[in-house]
Amino acid sequence: MFHKEGLIQFMAGSGCYSIIQMILLVVLGALLVDNEHYHQLLGLTIRDVGGGLIFTGIFYFFAALLGFVTARTKNKCLLLVQVILLVFLLFFQAVMGGVALAASRAPSLALSYDAQVICLTVGRYEALSDEDKQICQKFFRSDEFAGAMLVWQAYYVKSAVGSDSASSYRAMVLELQRENFCCGQLSLQVEAIGAIALAFVAFPIVFIIGSVCLCFKRRDQDVRPQIEFASKVKIHAEM
């Protein structure tokens, strides 16, 4: 692979994969931007992260173009520009994925599920000590609890409004009431999106390594096509 011919083919392949990376990040970013329940539960930071992923994905298109052009021209100036662009995209994608992952775990840091059940159950809350009651009150005043209440309110209102999605929201509300659990799956979805964005950081790293290796190849290592000339001389031997 580290021969110059293999590296040039690798650069063309990196251009193809950059298109796939672009589509992936744009889709993940659109999911974070479009879902208002993510914003209600975890704050508008999630929307900003989605916009950042879309921005990063669009720039992968330019990385793809540079990969194709570099593979054809073997221009080291363009190769250096591609390396700089990939480093920028690598950093930005890692930051966006890390922020999404950190924000999605915020509700779990507040209070365990069993402790929340005790705080919200009539009879069990009254039996708590004063110190535990203060912990419950602190949780009730937290942003995490306010976000969960806001999502629940949005679900309930949309289930009562006569719209095309009212029936699906009504079924969701009934299921949440039956399970005594609300909104935790939203944070898990955001966590999965952030984890996917971080996992795909590995590919820009590989592209950067390949680009740097190709950048240090000498000009006398250029790939030359092997041309074989067929002999047109025919020798007839007479007995």
C-alpha atoms as a PDB file:
ATOM      1  CA  MET A   1       0.000   0.000   0.000  1.00  0.00           C
ATOM      2  CA  PHE A   2       2.858   2.403   0.787  1.00  0.00           C
ATOM      3  CA  HIS A   3       4.212   2.227  -2.750  1.00  0.00           C
ATOM      4  CA  LYS A   4       3.440   5.379  -4.659  1.00  0.00           C
ATOM      5  CA  GLU A   5       1.085   3.631  -7.051  1.00  0.00           C
ATOM      6  CA  GLY A   6      -0.875   2.174  -4.146  1.00  0.00           C
ATOM      7  CA  LEU A   7      -1.029   5.544  -2.371  1.00  0.00           C
ATOM      8  CA  ILE A   8      -2.381   7.241  -5.497  1.00  0.00           C
ATOM      9  CA  GLN A   9      -5.120   4.633  -5.764  1.00  0.00           C
ATOM     10  CA  PHE A  10      -5.770   5.107  -2.050  1.00  0.00           C
ATOM     11  CA  MET A  11      -6.274   8.857  -2.575  1.00  0.00           C
ATOM     12  CA  ALA A  12      -8.881   8.173  -5.250  1.00  0.00           C
ATOM     13  CA  GLY A  13     -10.611   5.783  -2.856  1.00  0.00           C
ATOM     14  CA  SER A  14     -10.521   8.384  -0.076  1.00  0.00           C
ATOM     15  CA  GLY A  15     -12.353  10.764  -2.391  1.00  0.00           C
ATOM     16  CA  CYS A  16     -15.109   8.190  -2.894  1.00  0.00           C
ATOM     17  CA  TYR A  17     -15.426   7.568   0.820  1.00  0.00           C
ATOM     18  CA  SER A  18     -15.489  11.297   1.598  1.00  0.00           C
ATOM     19  CA  ILE A  19     -18.769  11.426  -0.337  1.00  0.00           C
ATOM     20  CA  ILE A  20     -20.152   8.673   1.917  1.00  0.00           C
ATOM     21  CA  GLN A  21     -18.876  10.530   4.988  1.00  0.00           C
ATOM     22  CA  MET A  22     -20.562  13.709   3.755  1.00  0.00           C
ATOM     23  CA  ILE A  23     -23.942  11.968   3.359  1.00  0.00           C
ATOM     24  CA  LEU A  24     -23.628  10.314   6.778  1.00  0.00           C
ATOM     25  CA  LEU A  25     -22.833  13.532   8.657  1.00  0.00           C
ATOM     26  CA  VAL A  26     -25.538  15.518   6.860  1.00  0.00           C
ATOM     27  CA  VAL A  27     -28.137  12.870   7.788  1.00  0.00           C
ATOM     28  CA  LEU A  28     -26.987  12.727  11.436  1.00  0.00           C
ATOM     29  CA  GLY A  29     -26.943  16.519  11.658  1.00  0.00           C
ATOM     30  CA  ALA A  30     -30.417  16.777  10.138  1.00  0.00           C
ATOM     31  CA  LEU A  31     -31.754  14.341  12.755  1.00  0.00           C
ATOM     32  CA  LEU A  32     -30.401  16.524  15.565  1.00  0.00           C
ATOM     33  CA  VAL A  33     -31.627  19.773  14.011  1.00  0.00           C
ATOM     34  CA  ASP A  34     -35.098  18.552  13.057  1.00  0.00           C
ATOM     35  CA  ASN A  35     -36.190  16.774  16.262  1.00  0.00           C
ATOM     36  CA  GLU A  36     -37.552  19.428  18.609  1.00  0.00           C
ATOM     37  CA  HIS A  37     -37.893  16.906  21.450  1.00  0.00           C
ATOM     38  CA  TYR A  38     -34.099  16.563  21.560  1.00  0.00           C
ATOM     39  CA  HIS A  39     -33.915  20.334  22.052  1.00  0.00           C
ATOM     40  CA  GLN A  40     -36.592  20.287  24.759  1.00  0.00           C
ATOM     41  CA  LEU A  41     -34.909  17.525  26.746  1.00  0.00           C
ATOM     42  CA  LEU A  42     -31.245  18.399  26.313  1.00  0.00           C
ATOM     43  CA  GLY A  43     -31.248  22.065  25.292  1.00  0.00           C
ATOM     44  CA  LEU A  44     -30.475  23.977  22.114  1.00  0.00           C
ATOM     45  CA  THR A  45     -26.878  22.758  22.218  1.00  0.00           C
ATOM     46  CA  ILE A  46     -28.100  19.649  20.393  1.00  0.00           C
ATOM     47  CA  ARG A  47     -29.434  21.794  17.548  1.00  0.00           C
ATOM     48  CA  ASP A  48     -26.097  23.600  17.298  1.00  0.00           C
ATOM     49  CA  VAL A  49     -24.272  20.262  17.198  1.00  0.00           C
ATOM     50  CA  GLY A  50     -26.541  19.142  14.361  1.00  0.00           C
ATOM     51  CA  GLY A  51     -25.727  22.289  12.409  1.00  0.00           C
ATOM     52  CA  GLY A  52     -22.028  21.686  13.032  1.00  0.00           C
ATOM     53  CA  LEU A  53     -22.250  18.132  11.680  1.00  0.00           C
ATOM     54  CA  ILE A  54     -24.021  19.374   8.542  1.00  0.00           C
ATOM     55  CA  PHE A  55     -21.341  22.058   8.087  1.00  0.00           C
ATOM     56  CA  THR A  56     -18.598  19.456   8.487  1.00  0.00           C
ATOM     57  CA  GLY A  57     -20.318  17.088   6.074  1.00  0.00           C
ATOM     58  CA  ILE A  58     -20.538  19.735   3.359  1.00  0.00           C
ATOM     59  CA  PHE A  59     -16.799  20.357   3.583  1.00  0.00           C
ATOM     60  CA  TYR A  60     -16.150  16.640   3.084  1.00  0.00           C
ATOM     61  CA  PHE A  61     -17.394  17.216  -0.470  1.00  0.00           C
ATOM     62  CA  PHE A  62     -14.412  19.508  -1.077  1.00  0.00           C
ATOM     63  CA  ALA A  63     -12.131  16.882   0.477  1.00  0.00           C
ATOM     64  CA  ALA A  64     -13.540  14.381  -2.028  1.00  0.00           C
ATOM     65  CA  LEU A  65     -12.824  16.710  -4.952  1.00  0.00           C
ATOM     66  CA  LEU A  66      -9.272  17.264  -3.730  1.00  0.00           C
ATOM     67  CA  GLY A  67      -8.802  13.502  -3.415  1.00  0.00           C
ATOM     68  CA  PHE A  68      -9.869  12.889  -7.014  1.00  0.00           C
ATOM     69  CA  VAL A  69      -7.803  15.783  -8.413  1.00  0.00           C
ATOM     70  CA  THR A  70      -4.722  14.834  -6.398  1.00  0.00           C
ATOM     71  CA  ALA A  71      -4.919  11.237  -7.608  1.00  0.00           C
ATOM     72  CA  ARG A  72      -4.957  12.469 -11.224  1.00  0.00           C
ATOM     73  CA  THR A  73      -2.410  15.300 -11.066  1.00  0.00           C
ATOM     74  CA  LYS A  74      -0.121  14.158  -8.200  1.00  0.00           C
ATOM     75  CA  ASN A  75       0.148  17.845  -7.252  1.00  0.00           C
ATOM     76  CA  LYS A  76       1.783  18.141  -3.833  1.00  0.00           C
ATOM     77  CA  CYS A  77       0.367  21.616  -3.239  1.00  0.00           C
ATOM     78  CA  LEU A  78      -3.163  20.253  -3.580  1.00  0.00           C
ATOM     79  CA  LEU A  79      -2.140  17.310  -1.432  1.00  0.00           C
ATOM     80  CA  LEU A  80      -1.021  19.676   1.333  1.00  0.00           C
ATOM     81  CA  VAL A  81      -4.318  21.582   1.098  1.00  0.00           C
ATOM     82  CA  GLN A  82      -6.192  18.299   1.449  1.00  0.00           C
ATOM     83  CA  VAL A  83      -4.188  17.345   4.541  1.00  0.00           C
ATOM     84  CA  ILE A  84      -4.967  20.704   6.181  1.00  0.00           C
ATOM     85  CA  LEU A  85      -8.663  20.379   5.307  1.00  0.00           C
ATOM     86  CA  LEU A  86      -8.841  16.829   6.679  1.00  0.00           C
ATOM     87  CA  VAL A  87      -7.171  17.906   9.935  1.00  0.00           C
ATOM     88  CA  PHE A  88      -9.752  20.682  10.303  1.00  0.00           C
ATOM     89  CA  LEU A  89     -12.632  18.294   9.574  1.00  0.00           C
ATOM     90  CA  LEU A  90     -11.215  15.680  11.944  1.00  0.00           C
ATOM     91  CA  PHE A  91     -11.025  18.198  14.788  1.00  0.00           C
ATOM     92  CA  PHE A  92     -14.471  19.660  14.143  1.00  0.00           C
ATOM     93  CA  GLN A  93     -16.154  16.266  13.789  1.00  0.00           C
ATOM     94  CA  ALA A  94     -14.550  15.029  17.023  1.00  0.00           C
ATOM     95  CA  VAL A  95     -15.698  18.146  18.896  1.00  0.00           C
ATOM     96  CA  MET A  96     -19.282  17.892  17.609  1.00  0.00           C
ATOM     97  CA  GLY A  97     -19.506  14.177  18.399  1.00  0.00           C
ATOM     98  CA  GLY A  98     -18.023  14.702  21.858  1.00  0.00           C
ATOM     99  CA  VAL A  99     -20.440  17.528  22.694  1.00  0.00           C
ATOM    100  CA  ALA A 100     -23.426  15.427  21.584  1.00  0.00           C
ATOM    101  CA  LEU A 101     -22.202  12.469  23.626  1.00  0.00           C
ATOM    102  CA  ALA A 102     -21.632  14.603  26.729  1.00  0.00           C
ATOM    103  CA  ALA A 103     -25.007  16.363  26.444  1.00  0.00           C
ATOM    104  CA  SER A 104     -26.878  13.084  26.016  1.00  0.00           C
ATOM    105  CA  ARG A 105     -25.528  11.765  29.294  1.00  0.00           C
ATOM    106  CA  ALA A 106     -26.550  14.815  31.322  1.00  0.00           C
ATOM    107  CA  PRO A 107     -29.907  13.394  32.571  1.00  0.00           C
ATOM    108  CA  SER A 108     -28.280  10.223  33.908  1.00  0.00           C
ATOM    109  CA  LEU A 109     -25.897  12.285  36.028  1.00  0.00           C
ATOM    110  CA  ALA A 110     -28.736  13.909  37.974  1.00  0.00           C
ATOM    111  CA  LEU A 111     -30.403  10.990  39.766  1.00  0.00           C
ATOM    112  CA  SER A 112     -30.725   7.244  39.254  1.00  0.00           C
ATOM    113  CA  TYR A 113     -33.963   5.808  37.875  1.00  0.00           C
ATOM    114  CA  ASP A 114     -34.868   4.077  41.172  1.00  0.00           C
ATOM    115  CA  ALA A 115     -34.256   7.292  43.101  1.00  0.00           C
ATOM    116  CA  GLN A 116     -36.475   9.218  40.678  1.00  0.00           C
ATOM    117  CA  VAL A 117     -39.287   6.690  41.220  1.00  0.00           C
ATOM    118  CA  ILE A 118     -39.029   7.167  44.984  1.00  0.00           C
ATOM    119  CA  CYS A 119     -39.062  10.960  44.668  1.00  0.00           C
ATOM    120  CA  LEU A 120     -42.135  10.885  42.405  1.00  0.00           C
ATOM    121  CA  THR A 121     -44.158   8.284  44.343  1.00  0.00           C
ATOM    122  CA  VAL A 122     -46.665   9.507  46.901  1.00  0.00           C
ATOM    123  CA  GLY A 123     -46.042   7.812  50.228  1.00  0.00           C
ATOM    124  CA  ARG A 124     -42.461   6.818  49.485  1.00  0.00           C
ATOM    125  CA  TYR A 125     -41.359  10.448  49.229  1.00  0.00           C
ATOM    126  CA  GLU A 126     -42.846  11.267  52.641  1.00  0.00           C
ATOM    127  CA  ALA A 127     -40.900   8.391  54.192  1.00  0.00           C
ATOM    128  CA  LEU A 128     -37.564   9.820  53.062  1.00  0.00           C
ATOM    129  CA  SER A 129     -35.167  11.563  55.405  1.00  0.00           C
ATOM    130  CA  ASP A 130     -34.759  15.329  55.236  1.00  0.00           C
ATOM    131  CA  GLU A 131     -31.430  14.923  53.429  1.00  0.00           C
ATOM    132  CA  ASP A 132     -32.970  12.657  50.765  1.00  0.00           C
ATOM    133  CA  LYS A 133     -35.897  15.057  50.360  1.00  0.00           C
ATOM    134  CA  GLN A 134     -33.429  17.854  49.659  1.00  0.00           C
ATOM    135  CA  ILE A 135     -31.829  15.675  46.968  1.00  0.00           C
ATOM    136  CA  CYS A 136     -35.267  15.144  45.420  1.00  0.00           C
ATOM    137  CA  GLN A 137     -36.032  18.862  45.522  1.00  0.00           C
ATOM    138  CA  LYS A 138     -32.688  19.627  43.918  1.00  0.00           C
ATOM    139  CA  PHE A 139     -33.531  17.185  41.130  1.00  0.00           C
ATOM    140  CA  PHE A 140     -36.999  18.713  40.652  1.00  0.00           C
ATOM    141  CA  ARG A 141     -35.381  22.126  40.155  1.00  0.00           C
ATOM    142  CA  SER A 142     -32.735  20.815  37.737  1.00  0.00           C
ATOM    143  CA  ASP A 143     -32.617  21.480  34.007  1.00  0.00           C
ATOM    144  CA  GLU A 144     -32.806  17.732  33.342  1.00  0.00           C
ATOM    145  CA  PHE A 145     -36.160  17.362  35.104  1.00  0.00           C
ATOM    146  CA  ALA A 146     -37.487  20.536  33.459  1.00  0.00           C
ATOM    147  CA  GLY A 147     -36.483  19.167  30.049  1.00  0.00           C
ATOM    148  CA  ALA A 148     -38.231  15.849  30.681  1.00  0.00           C
ATOM    149  CA  MET A 149     -41.377  17.664  31.826  1.00  0.00           C
ATOM    150  CA  LEU A 150     -41.271  19.856  28.716  1.00  0.00           C
ATOM    151  CA  VAL A 151     -41.058  16.807  26.447  1.00  0.00           C
ATOM    152  CA  TRP A 152     -43.918  15.113  28.303  1.00  0.00           C
ATOM    153  CA  GLN A 153     -46.031  18.259  27.981  1.00  0.00           C
ATOM    154  CA  ALA A 154     -45.277  18.443  24.247  1.00  0.00           C
ATOM    155  CA  TYR A 155     -46.256  14.781  23.821  1.00  0.00           C
ATOM    156  CA  TYR A 156     -49.503  15.297  25.727  1.00  0.00           C
ATOM    157  CA  VAL A 157     -50.488  18.486  23.864  1.00  0.00           C
ATOM    158  CA  LYS A 158     -49.765  16.973  20.449  1.00  0.00           C
ATOM    159  CA  SER A 159     -51.763  13.859  21.327  1.00  0.00           C
ATOM    160  CA  ALA A 160     -54.823  16.026  22.035  1.00  0.00           C
ATOM    161  CA  VAL A 161     -54.570  18.281  18.977  1.00  0.00           C
ATOM    162  CA  GLY A 162     -56.402  17.108  15.871  1.00  0.00           C
ATOM    163  CA  SER A 163     -53.500  16.560  13.479  1.00  0.00           C
ATOM    164  CA  ASP A 164     -52.085  13.765  11.384  1.00  0.00           C
ATOM    165  CA  SER A 165     -49.568  12.866  14.086  1.00  0.00           C
ATOM    166  CA  ALA A 166     -52.062  13.046  16.983  1.00  0.00           C
ATOM    167  CA  SER A 167     -52.808   9.315  16.911  1.00  0.00           C
ATOM    168  CA  SER A 168     -49.127   8.337  17.036  1.00  0.00           C
ATOM    169  CA  TYR A 169     -48.486  10.756  19.903  1.00  0.00           C
ATOM    170  CA  ARG A 170     -51.568   9.440  21.718  1.00  0.00           C
ATOM    171  CA  ALA A 171     -50.246   5.898  21.449  1.00  0.00           C
ATOM    172  CA  MET A 172     -46.852   7.097  22.688  1.00  0.00           C
ATOM    173  CA  VAL A 173     -48.417   8.839  25.699  1.00  0.00           C
ATOM    174  CA  LEU A 174     -50.409   5.726  26.611  1.00  0.00           C
ATOM    175  CA  GLU A 175     -47.273   3.605  26.391  1.00  0.00           C
ATOM    176  CA  LEU A 176     -45.309   6.045  28.556  1.00  0.00           C
ATOM    177  CA  GLN A 177     -48.088   6.048  31.142  1.00  0.00           C
ATOM    178  CA  ARG A 178     -48.164   2.255  31.136  1.00  0.00           C
ATOM    179  CA  GLU A 179     -44.384   1.971  31.515  1.00  0.00           C
ATOM    180  CA  ASN A 180     -44.102   4.884  34.001  1.00  0.00           C
ATOM    181  CA  PHE A 181     -41.118   6.093  31.998  1.00  0.00           C
ATOM    182  CA  CYS A 182     -40.661   9.156  29.832  1.00  0.00           C
ATOM    183  CA  CYS A 183     -38.110  10.496  27.464  1.00  0.00           C
ATOM    184  CA  GLY A 184     -35.030   8.492  28.352  1.00  0.00           C
ATOM    185  CA  GLN A 185     -34.921   6.951  24.886  1.00  0.00           C
ATOM    186  CA  LEU A 186     -34.371  10.425  23.430  1.00  0.00           C
ATOM    187  CA  SER A 187     -31.075  10.836  25.261  1.00  0.00           C
ATOM    188  CA  LEU A 188     -30.060   7.338  24.133  1.00  0.00           C
ATOM    189  CA  GLN A 189     -30.761   8.301  20.516  1.00  0.00           C
ATOM    190  CA  VAL A 190     -28.611  11.427  20.798  1.00  0.00           C
ATOM    191  CA  GLU A 191     -25.900   9.365  22.491  1.00  0.00           C
ATOM    192  CA  ALA A 192     -25.951   6.901  19.574  1.00  0.00           C
ATOM    193  CA  ILE A 193     -25.666   9.735  17.035  1.00  0.00           C
ATOM    194  CA  GLY A 194     -22.711  11.232  18.909  1.00  0.00           C
ATOM    195  CA  ALA A 195     -21.019   7.824  19.166  1.00  0.00           C
ATOM    196  CA  ILE A 196     -21.416   7.214  15.407  1.00  0.00           C
ATOM    197  CA  ALA A 197     -19.925  10.626  14.606  1.00  0.00           C
ATOM    198  CA  LEU A 198     -16.944   9.873  16.866  1.00  0.00           C
ATOM    199  CA  ALA A 199     -16.472   6.365  15.462  1.00  0.00           C
ATOM    200  CA  PHE A 200     -16.232   7.664  11.895  1.00  0.00           C
ATOM    201  CA  VAL A 201     -13.394   9.995  12.926  1.00  0.00           C
ATOM    202  CA  ALA A 202     -11.121   6.997  12.333  1.00  0.00           C
ATOM    203  CA  PHE A 203     -11.451   7.316   8.558  1.00  0.00           C
ATOM    204  CA  PRO A 204     -10.130  10.912   8.255  1.00  0.00           C
ATOM    205  CA  ILE A 205      -7.171   9.803  10.388  1.00  0.00           C
ATOM    206  CA  VAL A 206      -6.385   7.039   7.875  1.00  0.00           C
ATOM    207  CA  PHE A 207      -6.762   9.513   4.994  1.00  0.00           C
ATOM    208  CA  ILE A 208      -4.365  11.956   6.661  1.00  0.00           C
ATOM    209  CA  ILE A 209      -1.753   9.225   7.142  1.00  0.00           C
ATOM    210  CA  GLY A 210      -2.042   8.196   3.491  1.00  0.00           C
ATOM    211  CA  SER A 211      -1.825  11.810   2.308  1.00  0.00           C
ATOM    212  CA  VAL A 212       1.275  12.513   4.408  1.00  0.00           C
ATOM    213  CA  CYS A 213       2.970   9.352   3.120  1.00  0.00           C
ATOM    214  CA  LEU A 214       2.249  10.362  -0.475  1.00  0.00           C
ATOM    215  CA  CYS A 215       3.477  13.899   0.208  1.00  0.00           C
ATOM    216  CA  PHE A 216       6.929  12.573   1.166  1.00  0.00           C
ATOM    217  CA  LYS A 217       7.313  10.465  -1.959  1.00  0.00           C
ATOM    218  CA  ARG A 218       9.995  11.795  -4.340  1.00  0.00           C
ATOM    219  CA  ARG A 219       9.273  12.799  -7.914  1.00  0.00           C
ATOM    220  CA  ASP A 220      11.589  10.102  -9.215  1.00  0.00           C
ATOM    221  CA  GLN A 221       9.206   7.604  -7.663  1.00  0.00           C
ATOM    222  CA  ASP A 222       6.436   8.622 -10.042  1.00  0.00           C
ATOM    223  CA  VAL A 223       4.576   5.738 -11.493  1.00  0.00           C
ATOM    224  CA  ARG A 224       5.466   5.211 -15.113  1.00  0.00           C
ATOM    225  CA  PRO A 225       3.335   3.004 -17.303  1.00  0.00           C
ATOM    226  CA  GLN A 226       4.994  -0.111 -18.548  1.00  0.00           C
ATOM    227  CA  ILE A 227       4.931   0.032 -22.344  1.00  0.00           C
ATOM    228  CA  GLU A 228       5.898  -2.980 -24.342  1.00  0.00           C
ATOM    229  CA  PHE A 229       6.618  -2.546 -28.058  1.00  0.00           C
ATOM    230  CA  ALA A 230       5.736  -5.516 -30.158  1.00  0.00           C
ATOM    231  CA  SER A 231       8.436  -6.356 -32.653  1.00  0.00           C
ATOM    232  CA  LYS A 232       7.423  -5.796 -36.259  1.00  0.00           C
ATOM    233  CA  VAL A 233      10.492  -7.565 -37.661  1.00  0.00           C
ATOM    234  CA  LYS A 234       9.818 -11.000 -38.984  1.00  0.00           C
ATOM    235  CA  ILE A 235      12.731 -13.263 -39.759  1.00  0.00           C
ATOM    236  CA  HIS A 236      12.155 -16.016 -42.280  1.00  0.00           C
ATOM    237  CA  ALA A 237      14.647 -18.794 -42.253  1.00  0.00           C
ATOM    238  CA  GLU A 238      14.969 -20.833 -45.382  1.00  0.00           C
ATOM    239  CA  MET A 239      16.232 -24.310 -45.222  1.00  0.00           C
END
